[in-house]
């Protein structure tokens, strides 16, 4: 859908470099231990200088959202900053280019109750599919055996019993949170993480991890089965892909006609 890159370029003409430089996805790599105070790449160490693609990536994310006139976007806590930037882009364009008309719709942020899922191996860090350690994450395609192995190896602590204390016991609290959110909506589900921790209070770490395996697998099993079912039907997937692309092009073009008119193209 070429409209995404077209709108990105138009938005980039109004985007603030100061705002972009404060975005987490830009600051974190610069502040990582592997980075130095110099922005000049070192041939001897193989250090790579920051790239424009990373710096301007939030503009593309904003275009992805705004081109389809999304009014509400569900995101994790770490993506809330990107939604704020998308609203900034929409407001700036509407004010500076569209003469105050709402050509681009500023989207509202919908935060999941499970704001951040933490790593199984480093429970003070966010779980990430790009983590070098595959044991740090659970994939929706993992079977029960894989889930059990990863949870069995999950970092907890040597304190007796189960309690929900994110600061003092991040590993145990991570498992409690995962179980709580995956059980949400069930009959008899606990009201909060503290209540669930009290239910599990007398468990050993082994028992807690076994319980977590049951909860995670029960929620992921139907998703996993549906995924494998769909992956067996290439023709159906191609049909869905083509239909989705057609709808996306039509949706984006409706917005781009208004954008081009406002710009004067």
C-alpha atoms as a PDB file:
ATOM      1  CA  UNK A   1       0.000   0.000   0.000  1.00  0.00           C
ATOM      2  CA  UNK A   2       2.100   2.872  -1.333  1.00  0.00           C
ATOM      3  CA  UNK A   3       0.002   5.500   0.464  1.00  0.00           C
ATOM      4  CA  UNK A   4       1.797   4.648   3.715  1.00  0.00           C
ATOM      5  CA  UNK A   5       5.175   5.829   2.435  1.00  0.00           C
ATOM      6  CA  UNK A   6       3.585   8.784   0.619  1.00  0.00           C
ATOM      7  CA  UNK A   7       1.941  10.036   3.811  1.00  0.00           C
ATOM      8  CA  UNK A   8       5.124   9.383   5.773  1.00  0.00           C
ATOM      9  CA  UNK A   9       7.021  11.785   3.513  1.00  0.00           C
ATOM     10  CA  UNK A  10       4.345  14.459   3.822  1.00  0.00           C
ATOM     11  CA  UNK A  11       4.257  14.114   7.623  1.00  0.00           C
ATOM     12  CA  UNK A  12       8.056  14.208   7.818  1.00  0.00           C
ATOM     13  CA  UNK A  13       7.975  17.720   6.355  1.00  0.00           C
ATOM     14  CA  UNK A  14       6.182  18.859   9.540  1.00  0.00           C
ATOM     15  CA  UNK A  15       7.687  16.421  12.082  1.00  0.00           C
ATOM     16  CA  UNK A  16       9.844  17.937  14.822  1.00  0.00           C
ATOM     17  CA  UNK A  17      13.414  16.607  14.979  1.00  0.00           C
ATOM     18  CA  UNK A  18      13.494  17.585  18.647  1.00  0.00           C
ATOM     19  CA  UNK A  19      10.441  15.421  19.358  1.00  0.00           C
ATOM     20  CA  UNK A  20      11.878  12.522  17.355  1.00  0.00           C
ATOM     21  CA  UNK A  21      15.187  12.733  19.202  1.00  0.00           C
ATOM     22  CA  UNK A  22      13.334  12.154  22.492  1.00  0.00           C
ATOM     23  CA  UNK A  23      11.639   8.968  21.272  1.00  0.00           C
ATOM     24  CA  UNK A  24      12.623   5.851  23.217  1.00  0.00           C
ATOM     25  CA  UNK A  25      13.402   3.772  20.131  1.00  0.00           C
ATOM     26  CA  UNK A  26      16.062   6.381  19.258  1.00  0.00           C
ATOM     27  CA  UNK A  27      17.451   7.119  22.728  1.00  0.00           C
ATOM     28  CA  UNK A  28      17.818   3.546  23.992  1.00  0.00           C
ATOM     29  CA  UNK A  29      20.307   2.362  21.319  1.00  0.00           C
ATOM     30  CA  UNK A  30      22.337   5.548  21.805  1.00  0.00           C
ATOM     31  CA  UNK A  31      22.499   4.988  25.565  1.00  0.00           C
ATOM     32  CA  UNK A  32      23.222   1.260  25.383  1.00  0.00           C
ATOM     33  CA  UNK A  33      26.571   0.025  26.781  1.00  0.00           C
ATOM     34  CA  UNK A  34      27.772  -0.766  23.263  1.00  0.00           C
ATOM     35  CA  UNK A  35      27.375   2.857  22.245  1.00  0.00           C
ATOM     36  CA  UNK A  36      29.959   5.558  22.815  1.00  0.00           C
ATOM     37  CA  UNK A  37      29.700   9.295  23.178  1.00  0.00           C
ATOM     38  CA  UNK A  38      30.856   9.676  19.596  1.00  0.00           C
ATOM     39  CA  UNK A  39      28.396   9.494  16.709  1.00  0.00           C
ATOM     40  CA  UNK A  40      31.223   8.674  14.314  1.00  0.00           C
ATOM     41  CA  UNK A  41      31.495   4.977  13.476  1.00  0.00           C
ATOM     42  CA  UNK A  42      34.730   3.279  14.441  1.00  0.00           C
ATOM     43  CA  UNK A  43      36.168   1.098  11.705  1.00  0.00           C
ATOM     44  CA  UNK A  44      38.422  -0.670  14.185  1.00  0.00           C
ATOM     45  CA  UNK A  45      35.551  -1.770  16.455  1.00  0.00           C
ATOM     46  CA  UNK A  46      32.919  -2.194  13.783  1.00  0.00           C
ATOM     47  CA  UNK A  47      30.661   0.250  15.592  1.00  0.00           C
ATOM     48  CA  UNK A  48      27.725   1.415  13.498  1.00  0.00           C
ATOM     49  CA  UNK A  49      26.458   4.966  13.500  1.00  0.00           C
ATOM     50  CA  UNK A  50      22.728   5.620  14.056  1.00  0.00           C
ATOM     51  CA  UNK A  51      20.628   5.492  10.896  1.00  0.00           C
ATOM     52  CA  UNK A  52      17.928   7.803   9.552  1.00  0.00           C
ATOM     53  CA  UNK A  53      15.542   4.863   9.203  1.00  0.00           C
ATOM     54  CA  UNK A  54      15.516   4.351  12.965  1.00  0.00           C
ATOM     55  CA  UNK A  55      15.246   8.078  13.675  1.00  0.00           C
ATOM     56  CA  UNK A  56      12.271   8.576  11.330  1.00  0.00           C
ATOM     57  CA  UNK A  57      10.538   5.270  12.099  1.00  0.00           C
ATOM     58  CA  UNK A  58       7.915   6.924  14.369  1.00  0.00           C
ATOM     59  CA  UNK A  59       6.814   9.018  11.369  1.00  0.00           C
ATOM     60  CA  UNK A  60       6.112   5.819   9.423  1.00  0.00           C
ATOM     61  CA  UNK A  61       4.221   4.404  12.400  1.00  0.00           C
ATOM     62  CA  UNK A  62       2.153   7.583  12.532  1.00  0.00           C
ATOM     63  CA  UNK A  63       1.436   7.310   8.800  1.00  0.00           C
ATOM     64  CA  UNK A  64       0.391   3.657   9.218  1.00  0.00           C
ATOM     65  CA  UNK A  65      -2.245   4.763  11.734  1.00  0.00           C
ATOM     66  CA  UNK A  66      -3.372   8.083  10.282  1.00  0.00           C
ATOM     67  CA  UNK A  67      -3.730   6.911   6.687  1.00  0.00           C
ATOM     68  CA  UNK A  68      -6.598   4.619   7.749  1.00  0.00           C
ATOM     69  CA  UNK A  69      -8.222   7.237  10.009  1.00  0.00           C
ATOM     70  CA  UNK A  70      -8.043   5.024  13.091  1.00  0.00           C
ATOM     71  CA  UNK A  71      -9.837   6.587  16.053  1.00  0.00           C
ATOM     72  CA  UNK A  72      -8.625   4.205  18.775  1.00  0.00           C
ATOM     73  CA  UNK A  73      -5.457   2.084  18.767  1.00  0.00           C
ATOM     74  CA  UNK A  74      -4.743  -0.715  21.276  1.00  0.00           C
ATOM     75  CA  UNK A  75      -1.069  -0.743  22.263  1.00  0.00           C
ATOM     76  CA  UNK A  76       1.265  -1.893  24.986  1.00  0.00           C
ATOM     77  CA  UNK A  77       2.555   0.611  27.503  1.00  0.00           C
ATOM     78  CA  UNK A  78       5.860   0.958  25.630  1.00  0.00           C
ATOM     79  CA  UNK A  79       4.046   2.065  22.463  1.00  0.00           C
ATOM     80  CA  UNK A  80       1.986   4.827  24.077  1.00  0.00           C
ATOM     81  CA  UNK A  81       4.688   7.351  23.196  1.00  0.00           C
ATOM     82  CA  UNK A  82       4.280   6.504  19.509  1.00  0.00           C
ATOM     83  CA  UNK A  83       0.541   7.157  19.686  1.00  0.00           C
ATOM     84  CA  UNK A  84       1.232  10.521  21.299  1.00  0.00           C
ATOM     85  CA  UNK A  85       3.573  11.319  18.414  1.00  0.00           C
ATOM     86  CA  UNK A  86       0.888  10.260  15.901  1.00  0.00           C
ATOM     87  CA  UNK A  87      -1.519  12.696  17.563  1.00  0.00           C
ATOM     88  CA  UNK A  88       1.166  15.379  17.358  1.00  0.00           C
ATOM     89  CA  UNK A  89       1.617  14.703  13.628  1.00  0.00           C
ATOM     90  CA  UNK A  90      -2.132  14.846  12.993  1.00  0.00           C
ATOM     91  CA  UNK A  91      -2.579  18.055  14.953  1.00  0.00           C
ATOM     92  CA  UNK A  92       0.400  19.734  13.316  1.00  0.00           C
ATOM     93  CA  UNK A  93      -0.793  18.826   9.814  1.00  0.00           C
ATOM     94  CA  UNK A  94      -4.378  19.886  10.471  1.00  0.00           C
ATOM     95  CA  UNK A  95      -3.260  23.228  11.902  1.00  0.00           C
ATOM     96  CA  UNK A  96      -0.348  24.136   9.618  1.00  0.00           C
ATOM     97  CA  UNK A  97      -1.440  22.587   6.328  1.00  0.00           C
ATOM     98  CA  UNK A  98      -5.187  21.943   6.415  1.00  0.00           C
ATOM     99  CA  UNK A  99      -6.174  25.333   7.808  1.00  0.00           C
ATOM    100  CA  UNK A 100      -7.715  23.914  10.955  1.00  0.00           C
ATOM    101  CA  UNK A 101      -9.768  21.216   9.220  1.00  0.00           C
ATOM    102  CA  UNK A 102      -9.623  17.686  10.657  1.00  0.00           C
ATOM    103  CA  UNK A 103      -8.081  15.993   7.643  1.00  0.00           C
ATOM    104  CA  UNK A 104      -6.110  13.559   9.794  1.00  0.00           C
ATOM    105  CA  UNK A 105      -7.815  12.017  12.833  1.00  0.00           C
ATOM    106  CA  UNK A 106      -5.831  12.177  16.111  1.00  0.00           C
ATOM    107  CA  UNK A 107      -6.109   8.621  17.521  1.00  0.00           C
ATOM    108  CA  UNK A 108      -6.868   7.770  21.137  1.00  0.00           C
ATOM    109  CA  UNK A 109      -4.705   5.240  22.981  1.00  0.00           C
ATOM    110  CA  UNK A 110      -6.205   2.051  24.373  1.00  0.00           C
ATOM    111  CA  UNK A 111      -3.894   0.455  26.931  1.00  0.00           C
ATOM    112  CA  UNK A 112      -4.334  -3.217  27.734  1.00  0.00           C
ATOM    113  CA  UNK A 113      -4.676  -4.089  31.435  1.00  0.00           C
ATOM    114  CA  UNK A 114      -1.582  -6.240  30.775  1.00  0.00           C
ATOM    115  CA  UNK A 115       0.514  -3.204  30.008  1.00  0.00           C
ATOM    116  CA  UNK A 116       3.843  -4.976  29.780  1.00  0.00           C
ATOM    117  CA  UNK A 117       4.784  -8.679  29.689  1.00  0.00           C
ATOM    118  CA  UNK A 118       8.203  -9.281  31.178  1.00  0.00           C
ATOM    119  CA  UNK A 119      11.007 -11.596  30.113  1.00  0.00           C
ATOM    120  CA  UNK A 120      11.146 -15.064  31.655  1.00  0.00           C
ATOM    121  CA  UNK A 121      14.945 -14.901  31.944  1.00  0.00           C
ATOM    122  CA  UNK A 122      15.279 -11.236  32.969  1.00  0.00           C
ATOM    123  CA  UNK A 123      11.968 -10.337  34.637  1.00  0.00           C
ATOM    124  CA  UNK A 124      12.852  -6.657  34.968  1.00  0.00           C
ATOM    125  CA  UNK A 125      13.003  -6.369  31.162  1.00  0.00           C
ATOM    126  CA  UNK A 126      10.155  -6.511  28.675  1.00  0.00           C
ATOM    127  CA  UNK A 127       9.562  -9.824  26.925  1.00  0.00           C
ATOM    128  CA  UNK A 128      10.713  -9.449  23.327  1.00  0.00           C
ATOM    129  CA  UNK A 129      10.657 -11.633  20.237  1.00  0.00           C
ATOM    130  CA  UNK A 130      14.034 -10.162  19.280  1.00  0.00           C
ATOM    131  CA  UNK A 131      15.749 -11.283  22.503  1.00  0.00           C
ATOM    132  CA  UNK A 132      18.776 -13.460  21.733  1.00  0.00           C
ATOM    133  CA  UNK A 133      17.601 -16.039  24.279  1.00  0.00           C
ATOM    134  CA  UNK A 134      14.544 -17.978  23.021  1.00  0.00           C
ATOM    135  CA  UNK A 135      13.828 -19.105  26.591  1.00  0.00           C
ATOM    136  CA  UNK A 136      12.974 -15.504  27.478  1.00  0.00           C
ATOM    137  CA  UNK A 137       9.644 -15.558  25.656  1.00  0.00           C
ATOM    138  CA  UNK A 138       6.584 -17.687  24.956  1.00  0.00           C
ATOM    139  CA  UNK A 139       5.293 -17.704  21.402  1.00  0.00           C
ATOM    140  CA  UNK A 140       1.635 -18.209  20.554  1.00  0.00           C
ATOM    141  CA  UNK A 141       2.739 -21.159  18.394  1.00  0.00           C
ATOM    142  CA  UNK A 142       4.631 -22.904  21.228  1.00  0.00           C
ATOM    143  CA  UNK A 143       3.211 -26.306  22.115  1.00  0.00           C
ATOM    144  CA  UNK A 144       2.631 -27.389  25.695  1.00  0.00           C
ATOM    145  CA  UNK A 145       6.028 -29.065  25.966  1.00  0.00           C
ATOM    146  CA  UNK A 146       7.837 -25.897  24.865  1.00  0.00           C
ATOM    147  CA  UNK A 147       5.763 -23.754  27.229  1.00  0.00           C
ATOM    148  CA  UNK A 148       6.506 -26.096  30.139  1.00  0.00           C
ATOM    149  CA  UNK A 149      10.253 -26.072  29.447  1.00  0.00           C
ATOM    150  CA  UNK A 150      10.415 -22.288  29.247  1.00  0.00           C
ATOM    151  CA  UNK A 151       8.374 -21.760  32.408  1.00  0.00           C
ATOM    152  CA  UNK A 152      10.340 -24.420  34.264  1.00  0.00           C
ATOM    153  CA  UNK A 153      13.509 -22.447  33.490  1.00  0.00           C
ATOM    154  CA  UNK A 154      11.927 -19.056  34.267  1.00  0.00           C
ATOM    155  CA  UNK A 155      13.870 -16.950  36.761  1.00  0.00           C
ATOM    156  CA  UNK A 156      12.137 -16.702  40.152  1.00  0.00           C
ATOM    157  CA  UNK A 157      13.847 -16.651  43.577  1.00  0.00           C
ATOM    158  CA  UNK A 158      14.597 -18.809  46.614  1.00  0.00           C
ATOM    159  CA  UNK A 159      12.025 -17.201  48.917  1.00  0.00           C
ATOM    160  CA  UNK A 160       9.489 -19.678  50.258  1.00  0.00           C
ATOM    161  CA  UNK A 161       5.893 -19.337  49.048  1.00  0.00           C
ATOM    162  CA  UNK A 162       4.227 -17.075  46.496  1.00  0.00           C
ATOM    163  CA  UNK A 163       3.551 -13.365  46.856  1.00  0.00           C
ATOM    164  CA  UNK A 164       2.896 -10.504  44.483  1.00  0.00           C
ATOM    165  CA  UNK A 165       5.734  -8.021  45.013  1.00  0.00           C
ATOM    166  CA  UNK A 166       6.915  -6.675  41.615  1.00  0.00           C
ATOM    167  CA  UNK A 167       9.843  -4.752  43.085  1.00  0.00           C
ATOM    168  CA  UNK A 168      11.099  -7.336  45.580  1.00  0.00           C
ATOM    169  CA  UNK A 169      10.144 -10.490  43.634  1.00  0.00           C
ATOM    170  CA  UNK A 170       9.985  -9.604  39.920  1.00  0.00           C
ATOM    171  CA  UNK A 171      10.274 -13.173  38.630  1.00  0.00           C
ATOM    172  CA  UNK A 172       7.494 -14.599  40.781  1.00  0.00           C
ATOM    173  CA  UNK A 173       5.327 -11.527  40.216  1.00  0.00           C
ATOM    174  CA  UNK A 174       5.807 -11.890  36.467  1.00  0.00           C
ATOM    175  CA  UNK A 175       4.307 -15.387  36.554  1.00  0.00           C
ATOM    176  CA  UNK A 176       1.466 -14.210  38.776  1.00  0.00           C
ATOM    177  CA  UNK A 177       0.677 -11.347  36.381  1.00  0.00           C
ATOM    178  CA  UNK A 178       0.743 -13.638  33.338  1.00  0.00           C
ATOM    179  CA  UNK A 179      -1.649 -16.065  34.994  1.00  0.00           C
ATOM    180  CA  UNK A 180      -3.945 -13.279  36.177  1.00  0.00           C
ATOM    181  CA  UNK A 181      -4.310 -11.655  32.753  1.00  0.00           C
ATOM    182  CA  UNK A 182      -4.717 -14.970  30.932  1.00  0.00           C
ATOM    183  CA  UNK A 183      -7.487 -15.989  33.329  1.00  0.00           C
ATOM    184  CA  UNK A 184      -9.322 -12.680  32.989  1.00  0.00           C
ATOM    185  CA  UNK A 185     -12.960 -13.212  32.068  1.00  0.00           C
ATOM    186  CA  UNK A 186     -13.152 -16.734  33.460  1.00  0.00           C
ATOM    187  CA  UNK A 187     -15.780 -17.635  36.027  1.00  0.00           C
ATOM    188  CA  UNK A 188     -14.259 -17.357  39.454  1.00  0.00           C
ATOM    189  CA  UNK A 189     -11.159 -15.548  38.205  1.00  0.00           C
ATOM    190  CA  UNK A 190      -9.339 -13.522  40.893  1.00  0.00           C
ATOM    191  CA  UNK A 191     -10.061  -9.800  41.052  1.00  0.00           C
ATOM    192  CA  UNK A 192      -6.405  -8.787  40.979  1.00  0.00           C
ATOM    193  CA  UNK A 193      -2.853 -10.111  41.165  1.00  0.00           C
ATOM    194  CA  UNK A 194      -2.792  -9.897  44.951  1.00  0.00           C
ATOM    195  CA  UNK A 195      -5.799 -12.188  45.237  1.00  0.00           C
ATOM    196  CA  UNK A 196      -4.251 -14.682  42.825  1.00  0.00           C
ATOM    197  CA  UNK A 197      -0.996 -14.627  44.791  1.00  0.00           C
ATOM    198  CA  UNK A 198      -2.930 -15.400  47.983  1.00  0.00           C
ATOM    199  CA  UNK A 199      -4.553 -18.380  46.208  1.00  0.00           C
ATOM    200  CA  UNK A 200      -1.070 -19.648  45.321  1.00  0.00           C
ATOM    201  CA  UNK A 201       0.558 -18.585  48.593  1.00  0.00           C
ATOM    202  CA  UNK A 202       1.548 -22.052  49.795  1.00  0.00           C
ATOM    203  CA  UNK A 203       2.897 -23.289  46.457  1.00  0.00           C
ATOM    204  CA  UNK A 204       6.498 -24.162  45.798  1.00  0.00           C
ATOM    205  CA  UNK A 205       8.156 -22.529  42.782  1.00  0.00           C
ATOM    206  CA  UNK A 206       7.834 -25.829  40.937  1.00  0.00           C
ATOM    207  CA  UNK A 207       4.107 -25.994  41.609  1.00  0.00           C
ATOM    208  CA  UNK A 208       3.654 -22.348  40.602  1.00  0.00           C
ATOM    209  CA  UNK A 209       5.395 -22.943  37.279  1.00  0.00           C
ATOM    210  CA  UNK A 210       3.295 -26.054  36.627  1.00  0.00           C
ATOM    211  CA  UNK A 211       0.156 -24.056  37.366  1.00  0.00           C
ATOM    212  CA  UNK A 212       1.363 -21.288  35.051  1.00  0.00           C
ATOM    213  CA  UNK A 213       1.954 -23.882  32.327  1.00  0.00           C
ATOM    214  CA  UNK A 214      -1.657 -25.072  32.620  1.00  0.00           C
ATOM    215  CA  UNK A 215      -3.004 -21.512  32.433  1.00  0.00           C
ATOM    216  CA  UNK A 216      -0.820 -20.405  29.517  1.00  0.00           C
ATOM    217  CA  UNK A 217      -1.415 -23.555  27.486  1.00  0.00           C
ATOM    218  CA  UNK A 218      -5.175 -23.450  28.063  1.00  0.00           C
ATOM    219  CA  UNK A 219      -5.354 -19.932  26.637  1.00  0.00           C
ATOM    220  CA  UNK A 220      -2.925 -20.469  23.742  1.00  0.00           C
ATOM    221  CA  UNK A 221      -4.063 -23.951  22.652  1.00  0.00           C
ATOM    222  CA  UNK A 222      -7.074 -22.831  20.531  1.00  0.00           C
ATOM    223  CA  UNK A 223      -5.031 -20.004  18.985  1.00  0.00           C
ATOM    224  CA  UNK A 224      -2.183 -22.402  18.204  1.00  0.00           C
ATOM    225  CA  UNK A 225      -4.546 -24.943  16.677  1.00  0.00           C
ATOM    226  CA  UNK A 226      -6.251 -22.336  14.523  1.00  0.00           C
ATOM    227  CA  UNK A 227      -2.864 -21.040  13.350  1.00  0.00           C
ATOM    228  CA  UNK A 228      -1.726 -24.479  12.221  1.00  0.00           C
ATOM    229  CA  UNK A 229      -5.072 -25.048  10.540  1.00  0.00           C
ATOM    230  CA  UNK A 230      -4.796 -21.826   8.556  1.00  0.00           C
ATOM    231  CA  UNK A 231      -1.182 -22.458   7.590  1.00  0.00           C
ATOM    232  CA  UNK A 232      -2.265 -25.612   5.780  1.00  0.00           C
ATOM    233  CA  UNK A 233      -4.493 -23.675   3.353  1.00  0.00           C
ATOM    234  CA  UNK A 234      -2.267 -21.559   1.106  1.00  0.00           C
ATOM    235  CA  UNK A 235      -5.116 -20.697  -1.270  1.00  0.00           C
ATOM    236  CA  UNK A 236      -7.282 -19.304   1.516  1.00  0.00           C
ATOM    237  CA  UNK A 237      -4.365 -17.288   2.913  1.00  0.00           C
ATOM    238  CA  UNK A 238      -3.638 -15.801  -0.516  1.00  0.00           C
ATOM    239  CA  UNK A 239      -7.292 -14.880  -0.913  1.00  0.00           C
ATOM    240  CA  UNK A 240      -7.411 -13.171   2.483  1.00  0.00           C
ATOM    241  CA  UNK A 241      -4.146 -11.365   1.735  1.00  0.00           C
ATOM    242  CA  UNK A 242      -5.390 -10.028  -1.596  1.00  0.00           C
ATOM    243  CA  UNK A 243      -8.734  -8.958  -0.174  1.00  0.00           C
ATOM    244  CA  UNK A 244      -7.040  -7.257   2.749  1.00  0.00           C
ATOM    245  CA  UNK A 245      -4.654  -5.404   0.439  1.00  0.00           C
ATOM    246  CA  UNK A 246      -7.559  -4.217  -1.704  1.00  0.00           C
ATOM    247  CA  UNK A 247      -9.469  -2.883   1.291  1.00  0.00           C
ATOM    248  CA  UNK A 248      -6.337  -1.240   2.684  1.00  0.00           C
ATOM    249  CA  UNK A 249      -5.617   0.534  -0.618  1.00  0.00           C
ATOM    250  CA  UNK A 250      -9.171   1.836  -0.819  1.00  0.00           C
ATOM    251  CA  UNK A 251      -9.112   3.001   2.812  1.00  0.00           C
ATOM    252  CA  UNK A 252      -5.748   4.725   2.410  1.00  0.00           C
ATOM    253  CA  UNK A 253      -6.682   6.399  -0.874  1.00  0.00           C
ATOM    254  CA  UNK A 254      -9.739   8.037   0.692  1.00  0.00           C
ATOM    255  CA  UNK A 255      -7.463   9.720   3.216  1.00  0.00           C
ATOM    256  CA  UNK A 256      -4.762  10.588   0.696  1.00  0.00           C
ATOM    257  CA  UNK A 257      -7.234  12.409  -1.551  1.00  0.00           C
ATOM    258  CA  UNK A 258      -7.995  14.747   1.364  1.00  0.00           C
ATOM    259  CA  UNK A 259      -4.313  15.068   2.261  1.00  0.00           C
ATOM    260  CA  UNK A 260      -3.267  15.897  -1.299  1.00  0.00           C
ATOM    261  CA  UNK A 261      -6.043  18.445  -1.554  1.00  0.00           C
ATOM    262  CA  UNK A 262      -4.907  20.119   1.683  1.00  0.00           C
ATOM    263  CA  UNK A 263      -1.280  20.188   0.529  1.00  0.00           C
ATOM    264  CA  UNK A 264      -2.214  21.441  -2.923  1.00  0.00           C
ATOM    265  CA  UNK A 265      -1.035  18.460  -4.958  1.00  0.00           C
END
